[in-house]
Amino acid sequence: METRTKEAGSARFRRAFTAAVVAPRTIRAKLIRILCVALAILLALLGFSAAHQIGDYQNASATASDAHLADAARGSSTNTRRNAD
């Protein structure tokens, strides 16, 4: 008896979901669906942009670290040459 109730509830939920999301009947429901899709696309684009910016920041950090190391090596070799003379 319990499984019939669950199946009936599940079928009712499926019909309600399909009616509300896939094929809304009212203008309000259609507008809500359009806005939700637009919001989802906007959030996806913002996430992609944020990930791209984080990658650029990490690249810049690595480049700055490499430049600092090269500068230190150049200074060290200059000091070595000066002391040798």
C-alpha atoms as a PDB file:
ATOM      1  CA  MET A   1       0.000   0.000   0.000  1.00  0.00           C
ATOM      2  CA  GLU A   2       2.856   2.366   0.820  1.00  0.00           C
ATOM      3  CA  THR A   3       4.541   1.882  -2.565  1.00  0.00           C
ATOM      4  CA  ARG A   4       1.319   2.826  -4.372  1.00  0.00           C
ATOM      5  CA  THR A   5       1.196   6.020  -2.389  1.00  0.00           C
ATOM      6  CA  LYS A   6       4.843   6.751  -3.189  1.00  0.00           C
ATOM      7  CA  GLU A   7       4.314   5.997  -6.870  1.00  0.00           C
ATOM      8  CA  ALA A   8       1.239   8.196  -7.002  1.00  0.00           C
ATOM      9  CA  GLY A   9       3.086  10.990  -5.222  1.00  0.00           C
ATOM     10  CA  SER A  10       6.041  10.589  -7.543  1.00  0.00           C
ATOM     11  CA  ALA A  11       3.826  10.697 -10.622  1.00  0.00           C
ATOM     12  CA  ARG A  12       2.013  13.749  -9.285  1.00  0.00           C
ATOM     13  CA  PHE A  13       5.324  15.468  -8.599  1.00  0.00           C
ATOM     14  CA  ARG A  14       6.586  14.621 -12.087  1.00  0.00           C
ATOM     15  CA  ARG A  15       3.442  16.060 -13.694  1.00  0.00           C
ATOM     16  CA  ALA A  16       3.654  19.194 -11.565  1.00  0.00           C
ATOM     17  CA  PHE A  17       7.348  19.642 -12.382  1.00  0.00           C
ATOM     18  CA  THR A  18       6.749  19.152 -16.096  1.00  0.00           C
ATOM     19  CA  ALA A  19       3.820  21.561 -16.083  1.00  0.00           C
ATOM     20  CA  ALA A  20       5.673  24.212 -14.099  1.00  0.00           C
ATOM     21  CA  VAL A  21       9.156  24.047 -15.609  1.00  0.00           C
ATOM     22  CA  VAL A  22       8.978  22.479 -19.050  1.00  0.00           C
ATOM     23  CA  ALA A  23       5.652  23.846 -20.273  1.00  0.00           C
ATOM     24  CA  PRO A  24       4.386  26.613 -18.001  1.00  0.00           C
ATOM     25  CA  ARG A  25       0.880  27.816 -18.736  1.00  0.00           C
ATOM     26  CA  THR A  26       0.825  31.279 -17.211  1.00  0.00           C
ATOM     27  CA  ILE A  27       2.754  34.320 -18.325  1.00  0.00           C
ATOM     28  CA  ARG A  28       4.194  34.651 -14.833  1.00  0.00           C
ATOM     29  CA  ALA A  29       5.578  31.098 -14.927  1.00  0.00           C
ATOM     30  CA  LYS A  30       7.021  31.665 -18.398  1.00  0.00           C
ATOM     31  CA  LEU A  31       8.739  34.858 -17.271  1.00  0.00           C
ATOM     32  CA  ILE A  32      10.140  33.137 -14.194  1.00  0.00           C
ATOM     33  CA  ARG A  33      11.518  30.341 -16.382  1.00  0.00           C
ATOM     34  CA  ILE A  34      13.123  32.850 -18.764  1.00  0.00           C
ATOM     35  CA  LEU A  35      14.692  34.776 -15.873  1.00  0.00           C
ATOM     36  CA  CYS A  36      15.978  31.590 -14.250  1.00  0.00           C
ATOM     37  CA  VAL A  37      17.626  30.468 -17.483  1.00  0.00           C
ATOM     38  CA  ALA A  38      19.158  33.914 -17.975  1.00  0.00           C
ATOM     39  CA  LEU A  39      20.413  33.900 -14.375  1.00  0.00           C
ATOM     40  CA  ALA A  40      21.946  30.453 -14.807  1.00  0.00           C
ATOM     41  CA  ILE A  41      23.767  31.578 -17.959  1.00  0.00           C
ATOM     42  CA  LEU A  42      24.980  34.755 -16.248  1.00  0.00           C
ATOM     43  CA  LEU A  43      26.295  32.817 -13.244  1.00  0.00           C
ATOM     44  CA  ALA A  44      28.067  30.352 -15.536  1.00  0.00           C
ATOM     45  CA  LEU A  45      29.750  33.199 -17.420  1.00  0.00           C
ATOM     46  CA  LEU A  46      30.759  34.906 -14.177  1.00  0.00           C
ATOM     47  CA  GLY A  47      32.231  31.648 -12.910  1.00  0.00           C
ATOM     48  CA  PHE A  48      34.185  31.190 -16.123  1.00  0.00           C
ATOM     49  CA  SER A  49      35.452  34.768 -15.944  1.00  0.00           C
ATOM     50  CA  ALA A  50      36.470  34.374 -12.297  1.00  0.00           C
ATOM     51  CA  ALA A  51      38.335  31.156 -13.064  1.00  0.00           C
ATOM     52  CA  HIS A  52      40.125  32.901 -15.933  1.00  0.00           C
ATOM     53  CA  GLN A  53      41.097  35.833 -13.684  1.00  0.00           C
ATOM     54  CA  ILE A  54      42.405  33.472 -11.001  1.00  0.00           C
ATOM     55  CA  GLY A  55      44.520  31.698 -13.620  1.00  0.00           C
ATOM     56  CA  ASP A  56      45.921  35.029 -14.828  1.00  0.00           C
ATOM     57  CA  TYR A  57      46.718  36.049 -11.252  1.00  0.00           C
ATOM     58  CA  GLN A  58      48.558  32.777 -10.628  1.00  0.00           C
ATOM     59  CA  ASN A  59      50.528  33.245 -13.861  1.00  0.00           C
ATOM     60  CA  ALA A  60      51.467  36.793 -12.868  1.00  0.00           C
ATOM     61  CA  SER A  61      52.534  35.606  -9.425  1.00  0.00           C
ATOM     62  CA  ALA A  62      54.749  32.903 -10.915  1.00  0.00           C
ATOM     63  CA  THR A  63      56.260  35.390 -13.370  1.00  0.00           C
ATOM     64  CA  ALA A  64      57.000  37.878 -10.583  1.00  0.00           C
ATOM     65  CA  SER A  65      58.640  35.128  -8.560  1.00  0.00           C
ATOM     66  CA  ASP A  66      60.782  34.117 -11.541  1.00  0.00           C
ATOM     67  CA  ALA A  67      61.756  37.736 -12.181  1.00  0.00           C
ATOM     68  CA  HIS A  68      62.736  38.192  -8.527  1.00  0.00           C
ATOM     69  CA  LEU A  69      64.875  35.048  -8.716  1.00  0.00           C
ATOM     70  CA  ALA A  70      66.540  36.221 -11.958  1.00  0.00           C
ATOM     71  CA  ASP A  71      67.227  39.634 -10.433  1.00  0.00           C
ATOM     72  CA  ALA A  72      68.768  38.013  -7.361  1.00  0.00           C
ATOM     73  CA  ALA A  73      70.947  35.783  -9.554  1.00  0.00           C
ATOM     74  CA  ARG A  74      72.056  38.767 -11.640  1.00  0.00           C
ATOM     75  CA  GLY A  75      72.919  40.734  -8.494  1.00  0.00           C
ATOM     76  CA  SER A  76      74.830  37.800  -7.100  1.00  0.00           C
ATOM     77  CA  SER A  77      76.871  37.359 -10.284  1.00  0.00           C
ATOM     78  CA  THR A  78      77.592  41.116 -10.400  1.00  0.00           C
ATOM     79  CA  ASN A  79      78.816  41.049  -6.790  1.00  0.00           C
ATOM     80  CA  THR A  80      80.990  38.031  -7.554  1.00  0.00           C
ATOM     81  CA  ARG A  81      82.597  39.820 -10.526  1.00  0.00           C
ATOM     82  CA  ARG A  82      83.195  42.984  -8.494  1.00  0.00           C
ATOM     83  CA  ASN A  83      84.854  41.005  -5.709  1.00  0.00           C
ATOM     84  CA  ALA A  84      87.034  39.146  -8.211  1.00  0.00           C
ATOM     85  CA  ASP A  85      88.399  42.377  -9.674  1.00  0.00           C
END
